[in-house]
Amino acid sequence: MLGICFMIPAMIYDEFKRQLGKAGLSVKSFAELIKQNPNSITNYAAQGEIPPHLAIIAALMAHMADHGLDYRVALSQVHFEASKPRGSAVKGKFGGSKQAHPLL
């Protein structure tokens, strides 16, 4: 049997926001719900597209809301830690190596 592959277009940022609205969420409340920094989510507006994993979550939440299902019940069963911030600086270090003070 031959498999058929369909290319699903990426979700654009405006469609992402529309899906969140259907679920009764703002971008900020969505970010808090999935334990992400709201700025990390809004930064995708400049790219115009949302990563597939976030698009899937938003689409499923909107679909559940359309059918009178509370996605919060399903999400409450998933326990996870917030992602560690990437690129956060440690004072006195750059790229893992200790830096001398520039004025000394």
Protein backbone atom coordinates (compact mmCIF):
# COMPACT_ATOMS: atom_id res chain seq x y z
CA MET A 1 0.00 0.00 0.00
CA LEU A 2 1.34 3.40 -0.93
CA GLY A 3 1.37 6.05 1.74
CA ILE A 4 0.06 9.49 0.94
CA CYS A 5 1.88 12.42 2.44
CA PHE A 6 0.07 15.71 2.86
CA MET A 7 1.95 18.88 3.58
CA ILE A 8 0.13 20.89 6.19
CA PRO A 9 0.92 24.58 5.90
CA ALA A 10 2.42 26.22 8.95
CA MET A 11 0.04 28.15 11.16
CA ILE A 12 0.47 31.88 10.76
CA TYR A 13 0.59 34.01 13.89
CA ASP A 14 -2.80 35.65 13.29
CA GLU A 15 -4.46 32.24 12.96
CA PHE A 16 -2.72 31.16 16.16
CA LYS A 17 -4.19 34.16 17.98
CA ARG A 18 -7.62 33.38 16.51
CA GLN A 19 -7.41 29.79 17.76
CA LEU A 20 -6.40 31.01 21.21
CA GLY A 21 -9.34 33.42 21.19
CA LYS A 22 -11.71 30.53 20.45
CA ALA A 23 -10.29 28.83 23.53
CA GLY A 24 -10.79 32.02 25.56
CA LEU A 25 -7.09 32.72 25.93
CA SER A 26 -4.76 35.61 25.27
CA VAL A 27 -1.20 34.97 24.15
CA LYS A 28 -0.03 35.87 27.66
CA SER A 29 -2.43 33.47 29.39
CA PHE A 30 -1.52 30.71 26.90
CA ALA A 31 2.18 31.23 27.64
CA GLU A 32 1.54 31.06 31.37
CA LEU A 33 -0.54 27.90 30.94
CA ILE A 34 2.29 26.10 29.15
CA LYS A 35 4.92 27.65 31.47
CA GLN A 36 6.65 29.71 28.82
CA ASN A 37 7.73 33.33 28.81
CA PRO A 38 5.02 35.38 27.04
CA ASN A 39 7.73 37.23 25.10
CA SER A 40 8.94 33.91 23.69
CA ILE A 41 5.49 33.37 22.19
CA THR A 42 4.94 36.92 20.93
CA ASN A 43 8.38 36.88 19.26
CA TYR A 44 6.91 34.49 16.68
CA ALA A 45 4.81 37.38 15.35
CA ALA A 46 7.95 38.77 13.68
CA GLN A 47 8.55 35.43 11.95
CA GLY A 48 4.90 35.22 10.97
CA GLU A 49 4.62 31.50 11.75
CA ILE A 50 4.14 29.45 14.88
CA PRO A 51 6.15 26.27 15.58
CA PRO A 52 4.06 23.14 14.94
CA HIS A 53 3.94 22.03 18.58
CA LEU A 54 2.38 25.34 19.68
CA ALA A 55 0.03 25.39 16.69
CA ILE A 56 -1.19 21.89 17.54
CA ILE A 57 -1.82 22.81 21.17
CA ALA A 58 -3.76 25.95 20.20
CA ALA A 59 -5.82 24.09 17.57
CA LEU A 60 -6.70 21.30 20.00
CA MET A 61 -7.67 23.77 22.71
CA ALA A 62 -9.91 25.68 20.29
CA HIS A 63 -11.48 22.45 19.05
CA MET A 64 -12.20 21.32 22.60
CA ALA A 65 -13.72 24.71 23.46
CA ASP A 66 -15.90 24.53 20.31
CA HIS A 67 -17.27 21.22 21.58
CA GLY A 68 -17.87 22.38 25.14
CA LEU A 69 -14.89 20.55 26.60
CA ASP A 70 -12.64 22.18 29.18
CA TYR A 71 -9.02 21.79 28.09
CA ARG A 72 -7.91 22.82 31.57
CA VAL A 73 -9.12 19.46 32.92
CA ALA A 74 -6.92 17.60 30.43
CA LEU A 75 -3.94 19.89 31.07
CA SER A 76 -4.26 19.50 34.84
CA GLN A 77 -3.32 15.83 34.39
CA VAL A 78 0.03 16.74 32.85
CA HIS A 79 2.70 17.78 35.35
CA PHE A 80 5.82 19.41 33.97
CA GLU A 81 8.48 21.90 34.88
CA ALA A 82 8.91 25.21 33.12
CA SER A 83 11.65 25.26 30.52
CA LYS A 84 14.92 26.79 31.61
CA PRO A 85 15.59 30.13 29.91
CA ARG A 86 18.05 29.86 27.06
CA GLY A 87 20.88 32.31 26.72
CA SER A 88 20.61 33.67 30.22
CA ALA A 89 23.86 35.26 31.29
CA VAL A 90 25.76 34.58 34.46
CA LYS A 91 27.42 37.66 35.89
CA GLY A 92 31.16 37.60 35.30
CA LYS A 93 31.05 34.89 32.63
CA PHE A 94 30.72 34.95 28.89
CA GLY A 95 30.33 31.73 26.95
CA GLY A 96 31.26 29.69 30.00
CA SER A 97 34.60 31.37 30.66
CA LYS A 98 35.35 33.80 33.45
CA GLN A 99 35.78 37.36 32.23
CA ALA A 100 38.01 40.00 33.72
CA HIS A 101 36.43 43.32 34.55
CA PRO A 102 37.05 45.66 31.55
CA LEU A 103 38.21 48.58 33.74
CA LEU A 104 40.78 46.63 35.74
